[in-house]
Amino acid sequence: MTAITTIRIDHDALPHQFDRSRPDAVAEAIEAALREDGIAAETSDVISHIKIELPTTQLAAASAVLADLQLI
């Protein structure tokens, strides 16, 4: 069994390069960026935030990708 980490990013905290009016598209873009780096993440738009779920073993790599995207 793999431990799962959940990261939540408020819509209001999204950088300007993301279209806040299209949170589903933002979630898809984040998931694609993570998967391009080999991170098995699932993202979704959840009312007030973007939810990212990934194996905890990939948290450091995911953090680097999210930092590059200016999300953290």
N, C-alpha and C. Protein backbone atom coordinates (compact mmCIF):
# COMPACT_ATOMS: atom_id res chain seq x y z
N MET A 1 0.84 -1.18 0.00
CA MET A 1 0.00 0.00 0.00
C MET A 1 0.89 1.25 0.00
N THR A 2 0.57 2.17 -0.86
CA THR A 2 1.34 3.40 -0.98
C THR A 2 0.67 4.54 -0.23
N ALA A 3 1.47 5.30 0.51
CA ALA A 3 0.94 6.49 1.18
C ALA A 3 0.65 7.56 0.13
N ILE A 4 -0.44 8.28 0.31
CA ILE A 4 -0.86 9.32 -0.63
C ILE A 4 -0.80 10.68 0.07
N THR A 5 -0.28 11.66 -0.65
CA THR A 5 -0.24 13.04 -0.16
C THR A 5 -1.24 13.85 -0.97
N THR A 6 -1.95 14.73 -0.29
CA THR A 6 -2.89 15.64 -0.95
C THR A 6 -2.39 17.06 -0.78
N ILE A 7 -2.30 17.78 -1.89
CA ILE A 7 -1.92 19.19 -1.89
C ILE A 7 -3.13 19.97 -2.36
N ARG A 8 -3.43 21.05 -1.67
CA ARG A 8 -4.56 21.91 -2.07
C ARG A 8 -4.02 23.30 -2.38
N ILE A 9 -4.45 23.85 -3.50
CA ILE A 9 -4.05 25.19 -3.90
C ILE A 9 -5.31 26.00 -4.13
N ASP A 10 -5.50 27.04 -3.33
CA ASP A 10 -6.67 27.90 -3.46
C ASP A 10 -6.70 28.55 -4.83
N HIS A 11 -7.88 28.66 -5.40
CA HIS A 11 -8.02 29.35 -6.69
C HIS A 11 -7.46 30.76 -6.61
N ASP A 12 -7.69 31.45 -5.49
CA ASP A 12 -7.21 32.83 -5.33
C ASP A 12 -5.69 32.92 -5.30
N ALA A 13 -5.01 31.82 -5.01
CA ALA A 13 -3.55 31.81 -4.94
C ALA A 13 -2.88 31.47 -6.27
N LEU A 14 -3.68 31.15 -7.29
CA LEU A 14 -3.10 30.78 -8.59
C LEU A 14 -2.39 31.98 -9.20
N PRO A 15 -1.19 31.76 -9.74
CA PRO A 15 -0.48 32.85 -10.42
C PRO A 15 -1.27 33.33 -11.65
N HIS A 16 -0.94 34.50 -12.11
CA HIS A 16 -1.69 35.13 -13.20
C HIS A 16 -1.61 34.39 -14.53
N GLN A 17 -0.59 33.53 -14.72
CA GLN A 17 -0.50 32.80 -15.98
C GLN A 17 -1.59 31.73 -16.12
N PHE A 18 -2.29 31.43 -15.01
CA PHE A 18 -3.38 30.47 -15.05
C PHE A 18 -4.72 31.21 -15.14
N ASP A 19 -5.61 30.70 -15.95
CA ASP A 19 -6.93 31.30 -16.13
C ASP A 19 -7.85 30.84 -15.00
N ARG A 20 -8.01 31.68 -14.00
CA ARG A 20 -8.81 31.33 -12.82
C ARG A 20 -10.27 31.08 -13.15
N SER A 21 -10.73 31.56 -14.29
CA SER A 21 -12.13 31.34 -14.67
C SER A 21 -12.34 29.92 -15.22
N ARG A 22 -11.25 29.18 -15.43
CA ARG A 22 -11.35 27.82 -15.96
C ARG A 22 -10.57 26.85 -15.07
N PRO A 23 -11.04 26.63 -13.85
CA PRO A 23 -10.28 25.79 -12.91
C PRO A 23 -10.09 24.35 -13.39
N ASP A 24 -11.02 23.81 -14.16
CA ASP A 24 -10.82 22.45 -14.69
C ASP A 24 -9.62 22.40 -15.62
N ALA A 25 -9.47 23.43 -16.45
CA ALA A 25 -8.33 23.50 -17.36
C ALA A 25 -7.03 23.68 -16.59
N VAL A 26 -7.08 24.44 -15.51
CA VAL A 26 -5.88 24.63 -14.67
C VAL A 26 -5.48 23.29 -14.06
N ALA A 27 -6.45 22.55 -13.53
CA ALA A 27 -6.16 21.24 -12.95
C ALA A 27 -5.54 20.31 -13.99
N GLU A 28 -6.07 20.32 -15.20
CA GLU A 28 -5.53 19.48 -16.28
C GLU A 28 -4.10 19.88 -16.62
N ALA A 29 -3.82 21.18 -16.66
CA ALA A 29 -2.48 21.66 -16.99
C ALA A 29 -1.47 21.25 -15.91
N ILE A 30 -1.88 21.35 -14.66
CA ILE A 30 -0.99 20.96 -13.56
C ILE A 30 -0.72 19.46 -13.62
N GLU A 31 -1.77 18.68 -13.83
CA GLU A 31 -1.59 17.22 -13.92
C GLU A 31 -0.67 16.86 -15.07
N ALA A 32 -0.84 17.50 -16.21
CA ALA A 32 0.02 17.21 -17.37
C ALA A 32 1.48 17.54 -17.06
N ALA A 33 1.73 18.66 -16.41
CA ALA A 33 3.10 19.04 -16.06
C ALA A 33 3.73 18.03 -15.11
N LEU A 34 2.96 17.58 -14.14
CA LEU A 34 3.48 16.59 -13.20
C LEU A 34 3.75 15.26 -13.90
N ARG A 35 2.84 14.83 -14.74
CA ARG A 35 3.00 13.55 -15.44
C ARG A 35 4.18 13.59 -16.42
N GLU A 36 4.43 14.77 -17.02
CA GLU A 36 5.59 14.90 -17.91
C GLU A 36 6.89 14.62 -17.17
N ASP A 37 6.91 14.89 -15.88
CA ASP A 37 8.10 14.62 -15.07
C ASP A 37 8.02 13.26 -14.38
N GLY A 38 7.08 12.41 -14.80
CA GLY A 38 6.99 11.06 -14.29
C GLY A 38 6.30 10.93 -12.95
N ILE A 39 5.53 11.94 -12.56
CA ILE A 39 4.84 11.92 -11.28
C ILE A 39 3.40 11.46 -11.51
N ALA A 40 3.03 10.40 -10.83
CA ALA A 40 1.70 9.80 -10.98
C ALA A 40 0.69 10.57 -10.15
N ALA A 41 0.31 11.74 -10.62
CA ALA A 41 -0.60 12.61 -9.87
C ALA A 41 -1.98 12.62 -10.51
N GLU A 42 -2.96 12.89 -9.66
CA GLU A 42 -4.32 13.12 -10.13
C GLU A 42 -4.75 14.47 -9.58
N THR A 43 -5.26 15.33 -10.46
CA THR A 43 -5.70 16.65 -10.02
C THR A 43 -7.17 16.83 -10.33
N SER A 44 -7.80 17.69 -9.55
CA SER A 44 -9.21 18.00 -9.80
C SER A 44 -9.53 19.36 -9.22
N ASP A 45 -10.59 19.95 -9.77
CA ASP A 45 -11.11 21.21 -9.27
C ASP A 45 -12.15 20.88 -8.21
N VAL A 46 -11.94 21.40 -7.00
CA VAL A 46 -12.86 21.12 -5.90
C VAL A 46 -13.35 22.46 -5.34
N ILE A 47 -14.42 22.97 -5.88
CA ILE A 47 -15.10 24.20 -5.49
C ILE A 47 -14.17 25.39 -5.29
N SER A 48 -13.38 25.42 -4.22
CA SER A 48 -12.56 26.60 -3.92
C SER A 48 -11.07 26.39 -4.14
N HIS A 49 -10.69 25.18 -4.54
CA HIS A 49 -9.27 24.91 -4.69
C HIS A 49 -9.02 23.79 -5.71
N ILE A 50 -7.75 23.70 -6.09
CA ILE A 50 -7.29 22.60 -6.94
C ILE A 50 -6.72 21.55 -5.98
N LYS A 51 -7.16 20.31 -6.14
CA LYS A 51 -6.67 19.21 -5.30
C LYS A 51 -5.73 18.35 -6.13
N ILE A 52 -4.55 18.10 -5.57
CA ILE A 52 -3.54 17.27 -6.22
C ILE A 52 -3.25 16.10 -5.29
N GLU A 53 -3.43 14.89 -5.80
CA GLU A 53 -3.11 13.70 -5.03
C GLU A 53 -1.99 12.94 -5.73
N LEU A 54 -1.00 12.51 -4.94
CA LEU A 54 0.15 11.82 -5.52
C LEU A 54 0.78 10.93 -4.47
N PRO A 55 1.55 9.93 -4.92
CA PRO A 55 2.25 9.08 -3.95
C PRO A 55 3.22 9.94 -3.13
N THR A 56 3.23 9.73 -1.84
CA THR A 56 4.11 10.51 -0.97
C THR A 56 5.57 10.35 -1.37
N THR A 57 5.94 9.22 -1.92
CA THR A 57 7.32 9.01 -2.35
C THR A 57 7.74 9.97 -3.46
N GLN A 58 6.77 10.58 -4.14
CA GLN A 58 7.07 11.51 -5.23
C GLN A 58 6.85 12.97 -4.82
N LEU A 59 6.68 13.22 -3.52
CA LEU A 59 6.40 14.57 -3.05
C LEU A 59 7.52 15.55 -3.35
N ALA A 60 8.76 15.17 -3.16
CA ALA A 60 9.88 16.09 -3.42
C ALA A 60 9.93 16.47 -4.90
N ALA A 61 9.77 15.50 -5.78
CA ALA A 61 9.79 15.79 -7.22
C ALA A 61 8.60 16.65 -7.61
N ALA A 62 7.44 16.37 -7.03
CA ALA A 62 6.25 17.16 -7.33
C ALA A 62 6.43 18.59 -6.84
N SER A 63 7.03 18.76 -5.69
CA SER A 63 7.27 20.10 -5.15
C SER A 63 8.15 20.92 -6.09
N ALA A 64 9.13 20.29 -6.69
CA ALA A 64 10.01 20.99 -7.64
C ALA A 64 9.21 21.45 -8.86
N VAL A 65 8.35 20.59 -9.38
CA VAL A 65 7.51 20.95 -10.53
C VAL A 65 6.57 22.08 -10.17
N LEU A 66 5.92 21.97 -9.01
CA LEU A 66 4.97 22.99 -8.59
C LEU A 66 5.68 24.33 -8.33
N ALA A 67 6.90 24.29 -7.84
CA ALA A 67 7.67 25.51 -7.65
C ALA A 67 8.00 26.15 -9.00
N ASP A 68 8.37 25.33 -9.98
CA ASP A 68 8.63 25.85 -11.34
C ASP A 68 7.41 26.51 -11.93
N LEU A 69 6.22 26.00 -11.60
CA LEU A 69 4.96 26.57 -12.08
C LEU A 69 4.51 27.77 -11.23
N GLN A 70 5.31 28.11 -10.22
CA GLN A 70 5.01 29.20 -9.29
C GLN A 70 3.73 28.96 -8.49
N LEU A 71 3.45 27.69 -8.20
CA LEU A 71 2.27 27.34 -7.43
C LEU A 71 2.57 27.22 -5.94
N ILE A 72 3.85 26.99 -5.62
CA ILE A 72 4.28 26.94 -4.20
C ILE A 72 5.56 27.72 -4.07
